[in-house]
């Protein structure tokens, strides 16, 4: 008898709008995903922003990926220009932020499903492109964005604080 550290495969993954009763769990899932990747050093309050799913839901589209049992697998914040979460997007663009997959559910296509939903939502909102920022060390996310045809947009790179460099990516729809 062998045991595996890998969780069983996810069956049906549903992407939907987050429910208010899920906000606290979504906040913790987002925080845990970033913490698991060592992305919260010198966060200057970013940990609390990650945990505040309710605020994101009140100003953007807070999406979740759930399995057949209703377990939260991942989340992403989709926003349009003018929202308090839009960092790079301008008129005609959309943006997504805080893409997070629970560490126990990585490698099963959850992140890809969330990105696909953001691209579809952008198209339904009439956007001609989608922009995003990612930390330099988020190489797994960057590979995902590459697979979806996002291109590095170095002229939009920026630093929200010293020692935090964000790389910009754009996908034309």
N, C-alpha and C. Protein backbone atom coordinates (compact mmCIF):
# COMPACT_ATOMS: atom_id res chain seq x y z
N UNK A 1 0.85 -1.18 0.00
CA UNK A 1 0.00 0.00 0.00
C UNK A 1 0.89 1.24 0.00
N UNK A 2 0.67 2.13 -0.97
CA UNK A 2 1.43 3.36 -1.04
C UNK A 2 0.52 4.52 -0.71
N UNK A 3 1.11 5.52 -0.15
CA UNK A 3 0.34 6.73 0.11
C UNK A 3 0.97 7.84 -0.70
N UNK A 4 0.16 8.79 -1.05
CA UNK A 4 0.63 9.90 -1.86
C UNK A 4 0.36 11.20 -1.13
N UNK A 5 1.27 12.13 -1.29
CA UNK A 5 1.07 13.44 -0.69
C UNK A 5 0.20 14.31 -1.59
N UNK A 6 -0.12 13.81 -2.79
CA UNK A 6 -0.94 14.58 -3.72
C UNK A 6 -2.41 14.36 -3.42
N UNK A 7 -3.20 15.43 -3.38
CA UNK A 7 -4.63 15.26 -3.16
C UNK A 7 -5.28 14.59 -4.37
N UNK A 8 -6.44 14.01 -4.17
CA UNK A 8 -7.11 13.39 -5.32
C UNK A 8 -7.47 14.45 -6.35
N UNK A 9 -7.60 14.07 -7.61
CA UNK A 9 -7.90 15.05 -8.64
C UNK A 9 -9.26 15.72 -8.39
N UNK A 10 -9.32 16.97 -8.80
CA UNK A 10 -10.57 17.71 -8.68
C UNK A 10 -11.47 17.26 -9.83
N UNK A 11 -12.72 17.01 -9.54
CA UNK A 11 -13.68 16.68 -10.58
C UNK A 11 -14.14 17.96 -11.25
N UNK A 12 -15.38 18.27 -11.05
CA UNK A 12 -15.95 19.46 -11.65
C UNK A 12 -15.53 20.69 -10.84
N UNK A 13 -14.99 21.67 -11.54
CA UNK A 13 -14.63 22.94 -10.93
C UNK A 13 -15.63 23.97 -11.44
N UNK A 14 -16.25 24.66 -10.53
CA UNK A 14 -17.20 25.72 -10.89
C UNK A 14 -16.59 27.06 -10.51
N UNK A 15 -16.67 28.00 -11.41
CA UNK A 15 -16.23 29.37 -11.14
C UNK A 15 -17.49 30.21 -10.98
N UNK A 16 -17.57 30.93 -9.87
CA UNK A 16 -18.76 31.74 -9.60
C UNK A 16 -18.37 32.93 -8.74
N UNK A 17 -19.35 33.84 -8.58
CA UNK A 17 -19.15 34.98 -7.69
C UNK A 17 -19.14 34.49 -6.25
N UNK A 18 -18.26 35.06 -5.45
CA UNK A 18 -18.15 34.70 -4.04
C UNK A 18 -19.42 35.09 -3.29
N UNK A 19 -19.75 34.31 -2.29
CA UNK A 19 -20.89 34.58 -1.42
C UNK A 19 -20.40 35.27 -0.15
N UNK A 20 -21.21 36.18 0.40
CA UNK A 20 -20.77 36.87 1.63
C UNK A 20 -20.33 35.93 2.75
N UNK A 21 -21.00 34.80 2.89
CA UNK A 21 -20.63 33.86 3.95
C UNK A 21 -19.23 33.27 3.73
N UNK A 22 -18.68 33.42 2.54
CA UNK A 22 -17.37 32.86 2.22
C UNK A 22 -16.23 33.87 2.36
N UNK A 23 -16.53 35.13 2.57
CA UNK A 23 -15.50 36.16 2.53
C UNK A 23 -14.33 35.88 3.48
N UNK A 24 -14.61 35.50 4.71
CA UNK A 24 -13.52 35.26 5.67
C UNK A 24 -12.63 34.11 5.18
N UNK A 25 -13.24 33.04 4.71
CA UNK A 25 -12.47 31.89 4.22
C UNK A 25 -11.67 32.26 2.96
N UNK A 26 -12.26 33.07 2.09
CA UNK A 26 -11.56 33.52 0.89
C UNK A 26 -10.35 34.36 1.28
N UNK A 27 -10.52 35.23 2.25
CA UNK A 27 -9.41 36.05 2.73
C UNK A 27 -8.28 35.19 3.25
N UNK A 28 -8.61 34.18 4.03
CA UNK A 28 -7.57 33.29 4.58
C UNK A 28 -6.92 32.46 3.47
N UNK A 29 -7.71 31.98 2.51
CA UNK A 29 -7.16 31.22 1.39
C UNK A 29 -6.16 32.08 0.63
N UNK A 30 -6.52 33.34 0.36
CA UNK A 30 -5.64 34.24 -0.38
C UNK A 30 -4.36 34.48 0.41
N UNK A 31 -4.51 34.80 1.68
CA UNK A 31 -3.34 35.01 2.54
C UNK A 31 -2.46 33.76 2.57
N UNK A 32 -3.06 32.59 2.79
CA UNK A 32 -2.29 31.35 2.87
C UNK A 32 -1.53 31.06 1.58
N UNK A 33 -2.15 31.32 0.44
CA UNK A 33 -1.49 31.07 -0.84
C UNK A 33 -0.26 31.97 -1.00
N UNK A 34 -0.41 33.24 -0.68
CA UNK A 34 0.72 34.15 -0.79
C UNK A 34 1.80 33.81 0.24
N UNK A 35 1.39 33.49 1.45
CA UNK A 35 2.36 33.14 2.50
C UNK A 35 3.11 31.86 2.15
N UNK A 36 2.42 30.88 1.58
CA UNK A 36 3.06 29.61 1.22
C UNK A 36 4.17 29.82 0.20
N UNK A 37 4.04 30.86 -0.62
CA UNK A 37 5.04 31.15 -1.63
C UNK A 37 6.07 32.17 -1.16
N UNK A 38 6.01 32.54 0.12
CA UNK A 38 6.98 33.48 0.67
C UNK A 38 6.85 34.89 0.11
N UNK A 39 5.63 35.30 -0.21
CA UNK A 39 5.42 36.58 -0.88
C UNK A 39 5.02 37.72 0.04
N UNK A 40 5.08 37.49 1.35
CA UNK A 40 4.59 38.53 2.26
C UNK A 40 5.68 39.20 3.07
N UNK A 41 6.93 38.98 2.73
CA UNK A 41 8.01 39.69 3.43
C UNK A 41 7.90 41.17 3.12
N UNK A 42 8.10 42.00 4.12
CA UNK A 42 8.00 43.46 3.96
C UNK A 42 6.67 43.85 3.34
N UNK A 43 5.59 43.24 3.78
CA UNK A 43 4.30 43.45 3.11
C UNK A 43 3.65 44.79 3.41
N UNK A 44 4.05 45.48 4.45
CA UNK A 44 3.49 46.79 4.79
C UNK A 44 1.97 46.82 4.70
N UNK A 45 1.34 45.86 5.30
CA UNK A 45 -0.12 45.86 5.33
C UNK A 45 -0.78 45.05 4.23
N UNK A 46 0.00 44.51 3.29
CA UNK A 46 -0.60 43.77 2.19
C UNK A 46 -1.30 42.50 2.69
N UNK A 47 -0.80 41.92 3.76
CA UNK A 47 -1.44 40.72 4.32
C UNK A 47 -2.88 41.03 4.69
N UNK A 48 -3.12 42.18 5.28
CA UNK A 48 -4.49 42.54 5.65
C UNK A 48 -5.34 42.82 4.42
N UNK A 49 -4.73 43.39 3.39
CA UNK A 49 -5.47 43.62 2.14
C UNK A 49 -5.88 42.28 1.51
N UNK A 50 -4.98 41.30 1.56
CA UNK A 50 -5.29 39.98 1.04
C UNK A 50 -6.44 39.33 1.81
N UNK A 51 -6.46 39.55 3.10
CA UNK A 51 -7.50 38.95 3.94
C UNK A 51 -8.86 39.65 3.79
N UNK A 52 -8.90 40.88 3.29
CA UNK A 52 -10.14 41.65 3.23
C UNK A 52 -10.93 41.36 1.95
N UNK A 53 -11.41 40.14 1.84
CA UNK A 53 -12.19 39.73 0.67
C UNK A 53 -13.49 40.51 0.56
N UNK A 54 -14.07 40.86 1.68
CA UNK A 54 -15.33 41.61 1.64
C UNK A 54 -15.15 42.94 0.92
N UNK A 55 -14.07 43.64 1.20
CA UNK A 55 -13.82 44.92 0.53
C UNK A 55 -13.68 44.71 -0.97
N UNK A 56 -12.93 43.67 -1.37
CA UNK A 56 -12.78 43.37 -2.80
C UNK A 56 -14.13 43.08 -3.42
N UNK A 57 -14.95 42.31 -2.74
CA UNK A 57 -16.27 41.95 -3.28
C UNK A 57 -17.17 43.17 -3.41
N UNK A 58 -16.99 44.16 -2.56
CA UNK A 58 -17.82 45.36 -2.62
C UNK A 58 -17.41 46.32 -3.72
N UNK A 59 -16.20 46.13 -4.30
CA UNK A 59 -15.70 47.07 -5.29
C UNK A 59 -15.34 46.44 -6.63
N UNK A 60 -15.33 45.12 -6.68
CA UNK A 60 -14.92 44.40 -7.89
C UNK A 60 -15.74 43.12 -8.00
N UNK A 61 -15.37 42.30 -8.96
CA UNK A 61 -15.96 40.96 -9.05
C UNK A 61 -15.00 40.00 -8.34
N UNK A 62 -15.43 39.49 -7.21
CA UNK A 62 -14.64 38.52 -6.46
C UNK A 62 -15.14 37.14 -6.87
N UNK A 63 -14.29 36.40 -7.56
CA UNK A 63 -14.65 35.09 -8.09
C UNK A 63 -13.98 33.99 -7.27
N UNK A 64 -14.64 32.86 -7.22
CA UNK A 64 -14.08 31.69 -6.56
C UNK A 64 -14.19 30.47 -7.46
N UNK A 65 -13.30 29.54 -7.23
CA UNK A 65 -13.36 28.21 -7.84
C UNK A 65 -13.74 27.26 -6.72
N UNK A 66 -14.78 26.47 -6.96
CA UNK A 66 -15.23 25.50 -5.96
C UNK A 66 -15.38 24.14 -6.61
N UNK A 67 -15.26 23.09 -5.79
CA UNK A 67 -15.46 21.74 -6.30
C UNK A 67 -16.90 21.30 -6.07
N UNK A 68 -17.19 20.03 -6.35
CA UNK A 68 -18.56 19.52 -6.23
C UNK A 68 -19.10 19.59 -4.81
N UNK A 69 -18.21 19.54 -3.84
CA UNK A 69 -18.62 19.61 -2.43
C UNK A 69 -18.72 21.05 -1.94
N UNK A 70 -18.44 22.00 -2.80
CA UNK A 70 -18.49 23.40 -2.42
C UNK A 70 -17.22 23.89 -1.74
N UNK A 71 -16.16 23.08 -1.74
CA UNK A 71 -14.89 23.50 -1.13
C UNK A 71 -14.27 24.59 -1.98
N UNK A 72 -13.76 25.63 -1.31
CA UNK A 72 -13.07 26.70 -2.01
C UNK A 72 -11.68 26.21 -2.43
N UNK A 73 -11.40 26.32 -3.73
CA UNK A 73 -10.12 25.89 -4.26
C UNK A 73 -9.22 27.06 -4.60
N UNK A 74 -9.83 28.17 -4.99
CA UNK A 74 -9.05 29.33 -5.39
C UNK A 74 -9.94 30.54 -5.55
N UNK A 75 -9.31 31.68 -5.81
CA UNK A 75 -10.03 32.94 -5.93
C UNK A 75 -9.24 33.91 -6.80
N UNK A 76 -9.94 34.90 -7.33
CA UNK A 76 -9.31 35.98 -8.08
C UNK A 76 -10.22 37.20 -8.00
N UNK A 77 -9.62 38.37 -8.06
CA UNK A 77 -10.35 39.63 -8.06
C UNK A 77 -10.26 40.23 -9.45
N UNK A 78 -11.41 40.38 -10.09
CA UNK A 78 -11.50 40.96 -11.44
C UNK A 78 -11.97 42.39 -11.30
N UNK A 79 -11.29 43.32 -11.95
CA UNK A 79 -11.71 44.72 -11.84
C UNK A 79 -11.57 45.46 -13.16
N UNK A 80 -12.31 46.52 -13.22
CA UNK A 80 -12.29 47.41 -14.37
C UNK A 80 -11.66 48.74 -13.96
N UNK A 81 -11.23 49.54 -14.92
CA UNK A 81 -10.62 50.83 -14.58
C UNK A 81 -11.55 51.66 -13.70
N UNK A 82 -10.94 52.37 -12.78
CA UNK A 82 -11.71 53.21 -11.88
C UNK A 82 -12.05 52.56 -10.56
N UNK A 83 -11.92 51.24 -10.47
CA UNK A 83 -12.17 50.58 -9.19
C UNK A 83 -10.95 50.82 -8.30
N UNK A 84 -11.15 50.75 -6.98
CA UNK A 84 -9.99 50.97 -6.10
C UNK A 84 -8.91 49.90 -6.24
N UNK A 85 -9.20 48.81 -6.91
CA UNK A 85 -8.22 47.74 -7.08
C UNK A 85 -7.51 47.79 -8.43
N UNK A 86 -7.97 48.64 -9.33
CA UNK A 86 -7.32 48.75 -10.64
C UNK A 86 -5.99 49.47 -10.47
N UNK A 87 -4.92 48.81 -10.88
CA UNK A 87 -3.59 49.38 -10.75
C UNK A 87 -3.04 49.84 -12.10
N UNK A 88 -3.33 49.10 -13.14
CA UNK A 88 -2.75 49.38 -14.45
C UNK A 88 -3.79 49.69 -15.52
N UNK A 89 -4.99 49.20 -15.37
CA UNK A 89 -5.97 49.26 -16.45
C UNK A 89 -6.47 50.68 -16.71
N UNK A 90 -6.70 50.92 -17.98
CA UNK A 90 -7.27 52.17 -18.46
C UNK A 90 -8.54 51.83 -19.24
N UNK A 91 -9.24 52.85 -19.70
CA UNK A 91 -10.47 52.62 -20.45
C UNK A 91 -10.24 51.60 -21.56
N UNK A 92 -11.16 50.65 -21.67
CA UNK A 92 -11.06 49.61 -22.69
C UNK A 92 -10.26 48.40 -22.23
N UNK A 93 -9.79 48.43 -21.00
CA UNK A 93 -9.02 47.31 -20.47
C UNK A 93 -9.72 46.74 -19.23
N UNK A 94 -9.30 45.57 -18.86
CA UNK A 94 -9.71 44.95 -17.60
C UNK A 94 -8.43 44.48 -16.91
N UNK A 95 -8.59 44.08 -15.67
CA UNK A 95 -7.43 43.69 -14.87
C UNK A 95 -7.88 42.63 -13.88
N UNK A 96 -6.97 41.76 -13.51
CA UNK A 96 -7.27 40.89 -12.37
C UNK A 96 -6.09 40.87 -11.43
N UNK A 97 -6.43 40.63 -10.18
CA UNK A 97 -5.45 40.69 -9.10
C UNK A 97 -5.71 39.57 -8.10
N UNK A 98 -4.73 39.36 -7.26
CA UNK A 98 -4.85 38.46 -6.12
C UNK A 98 -5.34 37.07 -6.53
N UNK A 99 -4.82 36.58 -7.65
CA UNK A 99 -5.09 35.21 -8.06
C UNK A 99 -4.44 34.30 -7.03
N UNK A 100 -5.22 33.44 -6.43
CA UNK A 100 -4.70 32.56 -5.38
C UNK A 100 -5.37 31.20 -5.46
N UNK A 101 -4.57 30.16 -5.41
CA UNK A 101 -5.08 28.78 -5.35
C UNK A 101 -4.59 28.19 -4.04
N UNK A 102 -5.49 27.57 -3.31
CA UNK A 102 -5.12 26.93 -2.05
C UNK A 102 -3.96 25.98 -2.31
N UNK A 103 -2.91 26.04 -1.49
CA UNK A 103 -1.73 25.20 -1.73
C UNK A 103 -2.08 23.71 -1.93
N UNK A 104 -3.05 23.20 -1.23
CA UNK A 104 -3.41 21.78 -1.36
C UNK A 104 -4.08 21.45 -2.69
N UNK A 105 -4.48 22.47 -3.44
CA UNK A 105 -5.21 22.23 -4.69
C UNK A 105 -4.47 22.73 -5.92
N UNK A 106 -3.19 23.00 -5.78
CA UNK A 106 -2.40 23.48 -6.91
C UNK A 106 -2.08 22.34 -7.87
N UNK A 107 -1.83 22.71 -9.12
CA UNK A 107 -1.45 21.73 -10.12
C UNK A 107 -2.62 20.97 -10.71
N UNK A 108 -3.84 21.47 -10.53
CA UNK A 108 -5.02 20.78 -11.01
C UNK A 108 -5.84 21.62 -11.99
N UNK A 109 -5.29 22.74 -12.41
CA UNK A 109 -5.99 23.58 -13.38
C UNK A 109 -6.89 24.64 -12.78
N UNK A 110 -6.87 24.80 -11.47
CA UNK A 110 -7.74 25.78 -10.81
C UNK A 110 -7.36 27.20 -11.24
N UNK A 111 -6.07 27.52 -11.19
CA UNK A 111 -5.62 28.85 -11.58
C UNK A 111 -5.96 29.14 -13.03
N UNK A 112 -5.77 28.15 -13.90
CA UNK A 112 -6.10 28.33 -15.32
C UNK A 112 -7.59 28.60 -15.51
N UNK A 113 -8.41 27.91 -14.78
CA UNK A 113 -9.87 28.15 -14.89
C UNK A 113 -10.22 29.56 -14.44
N UNK A 114 -9.58 30.05 -13.39
CA UNK A 114 -9.85 31.41 -12.91
C UNK A 114 -9.37 32.45 -13.93
N UNK A 115 -8.20 32.23 -14.52
CA UNK A 115 -7.71 33.16 -15.54
C UNK A 115 -8.65 33.16 -16.73
N UNK A 116 -9.08 31.98 -17.18
CA UNK A 116 -10.00 31.88 -18.32
C UNK A 116 -11.28 32.66 -18.03
N UNK A 117 -11.81 32.54 -16.83
CA UNK A 117 -13.04 33.27 -16.48
C UNK A 117 -12.80 34.78 -16.52
N UNK A 118 -11.64 35.23 -16.06
CA UNK A 118 -11.33 36.67 -16.13
C UNK A 118 -11.26 37.15 -17.57
N UNK A 119 -10.65 36.36 -18.44
CA UNK A 119 -10.58 36.74 -19.85
C UNK A 119 -11.97 36.80 -20.47
N UNK A 120 -12.80 35.82 -20.14
CA UNK A 120 -14.18 35.81 -20.65
C UNK A 120 -14.96 37.00 -20.11
N UNK A 121 -14.79 37.30 -18.84
CA UNK A 121 -15.49 38.43 -18.22
C UNK A 121 -15.02 39.74 -18.84
N UNK A 122 -13.75 39.85 -19.12
CA UNK A 122 -13.22 41.05 -19.78
C UNK A 122 -13.87 41.24 -21.15
N UNK A 123 -13.94 40.15 -21.91
CA UNK A 123 -14.56 40.23 -23.24
C UNK A 123 -16.03 40.62 -23.13
N UNK A 124 -16.74 40.03 -22.17
CA UNK A 124 -18.17 40.38 -21.99
C UNK A 124 -18.35 41.84 -21.59
N UNK A 125 -17.33 42.43 -20.96
CA UNK A 125 -17.38 43.83 -20.57
C UNK A 125 -16.83 44.76 -21.65
N UNK A 126 -16.51 44.21 -22.81
CA UNK A 126 -16.06 45.03 -23.93
C UNK A 126 -14.60 45.44 -23.89
N UNK A 127 -13.82 44.83 -23.04
CA UNK A 127 -12.40 45.18 -22.95
C UNK A 127 -11.66 44.68 -24.19
N UNK A 128 -10.67 45.45 -24.63
CA UNK A 128 -9.84 45.03 -25.75
C UNK A 128 -8.56 44.35 -25.29
N UNK A 129 -8.27 44.49 -23.97
CA UNK A 129 -7.09 43.82 -23.42
C UNK A 129 -7.24 43.66 -21.91
N UNK A 130 -6.39 42.79 -21.37
CA UNK A 130 -6.34 42.56 -19.93
C UNK A 130 -4.91 42.79 -19.49
N UNK A 131 -4.75 43.52 -18.39
CA UNK A 131 -3.43 43.81 -17.84
C UNK A 131 -3.35 43.25 -16.43
N UNK A 132 -2.14 42.99 -15.98
CA UNK A 132 -1.95 42.51 -14.61
C UNK A 132 -0.54 42.78 -14.17
N UNK A 133 -0.35 42.74 -12.86
CA UNK A 133 0.97 42.88 -12.26
C UNK A 133 1.27 41.61 -11.48
N UNK A 134 2.54 41.24 -11.46
CA UNK A 134 2.96 40.08 -10.69
C UNK A 134 4.35 40.35 -10.12
N UNK A 135 4.60 39.82 -8.95
CA UNK A 135 5.93 39.98 -8.36
C UNK A 135 6.95 39.17 -9.17
N UNK A 136 8.17 39.64 -9.16
CA UNK A 136 9.21 38.97 -9.95
C UNK A 136 9.37 37.50 -9.57
N UNK A 137 9.18 37.18 -8.29
CA UNK A 137 9.39 35.80 -7.85
C UNK A 137 8.18 34.88 -8.10
N UNK A 138 7.10 35.39 -8.65
CA UNK A 138 5.91 34.57 -8.89
C UNK A 138 6.04 33.84 -10.24
N UNK A 139 7.05 32.99 -10.34
CA UNK A 139 7.35 32.33 -11.61
C UNK A 139 6.25 31.35 -12.04
N UNK A 140 5.61 30.69 -11.11
CA UNK A 140 4.52 29.76 -11.47
C UNK A 140 3.39 30.54 -12.14
N UNK A 141 3.03 31.68 -11.57
CA UNK A 141 1.97 32.51 -12.15
C UNK A 141 2.40 33.02 -13.53
N UNK A 142 3.66 33.42 -13.66
CA UNK A 142 4.14 33.94 -14.94
C UNK A 142 4.06 32.87 -16.03
N UNK A 143 4.37 31.62 -15.69
CA UNK A 143 4.24 30.54 -16.67
C UNK A 143 2.78 30.37 -17.09
N UNK A 144 1.87 30.49 -16.13
CA UNK A 144 0.44 30.40 -16.44
C UNK A 144 0.04 31.53 -17.40
N UNK A 145 0.46 32.74 -17.11
CA UNK A 145 0.12 33.87 -17.97
C UNK A 145 0.70 33.68 -19.37
N UNK A 146 1.93 33.17 -19.45
CA UNK A 146 2.53 32.89 -20.75
C UNK A 146 1.68 31.91 -21.55
N UNK A 147 1.19 30.86 -20.90
CA UNK A 147 0.37 29.86 -21.59
C UNK A 147 -0.91 30.47 -22.15
N UNK A 148 -1.42 31.51 -21.52
CA UNK A 148 -2.63 32.18 -21.99
C UNK A 148 -2.34 33.27 -23.01
N UNK A 149 -1.07 33.48 -23.35
CA UNK A 149 -0.73 34.47 -24.35
C UNK A 149 -0.51 35.87 -23.82
N UNK A 150 -0.38 36.02 -22.52
CA UNK A 150 -0.01 37.32 -21.97
C UNK A 150 1.43 37.62 -22.39
N UNK A 151 1.71 38.88 -22.63
CA UNK A 151 3.06 39.29 -23.00
C UNK A 151 3.59 40.27 -21.98
N UNK A 152 4.87 40.15 -21.69
CA UNK A 152 5.52 41.10 -20.77
C UNK A 152 5.38 42.50 -21.35
N UNK A 153 5.07 43.44 -20.48
CA UNK A 153 4.91 44.84 -20.87
C UNK A 153 5.80 45.67 -19.93
N UNK A 154 7.12 45.63 -20.15
CA UNK A 154 8.06 46.25 -19.21
C UNK A 154 7.82 47.75 -18.98
N UNK A 155 7.26 48.44 -19.96
CA UNK A 155 7.03 49.87 -19.78
C UNK A 155 5.98 50.14 -18.71
N UNK A 156 5.22 49.12 -18.31
CA UNK A 156 4.23 49.28 -17.24
C UNK A 156 4.70 48.72 -15.90
N UNK A 157 5.92 48.17 -15.85
CA UNK A 157 6.45 47.68 -14.57
C UNK A 157 6.46 48.82 -13.56
N UNK A 158 6.27 48.48 -12.30
CA UNK A 158 6.22 49.53 -11.28
C UNK A 158 6.55 48.95 -9.92
N UNK A 159 6.76 49.84 -8.97
CA UNK A 159 7.11 49.44 -7.60
C UNK A 159 6.20 50.19 -6.64
N UNK A 160 5.27 49.47 -5.98
CA UNK A 160 4.37 50.13 -5.04
C UNK A 160 5.08 50.59 -3.77
N UNK A 161 6.25 50.02 -3.51
CA UNK A 161 7.06 50.42 -2.36
C UNK A 161 8.49 49.98 -2.64
N UNK A 162 9.44 50.55 -1.91
CA UNK A 162 10.84 50.13 -2.14
C UNK A 162 10.98 48.61 -1.95
N UNK A 163 11.77 48.00 -2.76
CA UNK A 163 12.06 46.56 -2.69
C UNK A 163 10.90 45.67 -3.12
N UNK A 164 9.85 46.24 -3.73
CA UNK A 164 8.76 45.42 -4.28
C UNK A 164 8.61 45.82 -5.74
N UNK A 165 9.18 45.01 -6.61
CA UNK A 165 9.09 45.27 -8.05
C UNK A 165 7.98 44.41 -8.63
N UNK A 166 7.08 45.05 -9.38
CA UNK A 166 5.99 44.33 -10.03
C UNK A 166 6.19 44.36 -11.53
N UNK A 167 6.06 43.19 -12.13
CA UNK A 167 6.17 43.04 -13.57
C UNK A 167 4.78 43.12 -14.18
N UNK A 168 4.66 43.82 -15.29
CA UNK A 168 3.37 43.96 -15.96
C UNK A 168 3.26 43.00 -17.14
N UNK A 169 2.05 42.50 -17.34
CA UNK A 169 1.72 41.63 -18.45
C UNK A 169 0.43 42.14 -19.09
N UNK A 170 0.32 41.96 -20.42
CA UNK A 170 -0.86 42.38 -21.16
C UNK A 170 -1.27 41.27 -22.12
N UNK A 171 -2.56 41.07 -22.24
CA UNK A 171 -3.10 40.16 -23.25
C UNK A 171 -4.13 40.91 -24.05
N UNK A 172 -3.95 40.93 -25.36
CA UNK A 172 -4.92 41.53 -26.25
C UNK A 172 -6.03 40.51 -26.49
N UNK A 173 -7.27 40.97 -26.41
CA UNK A 173 -8.41 40.07 -26.62
C UNK A 173 -8.86 40.12 -28.08
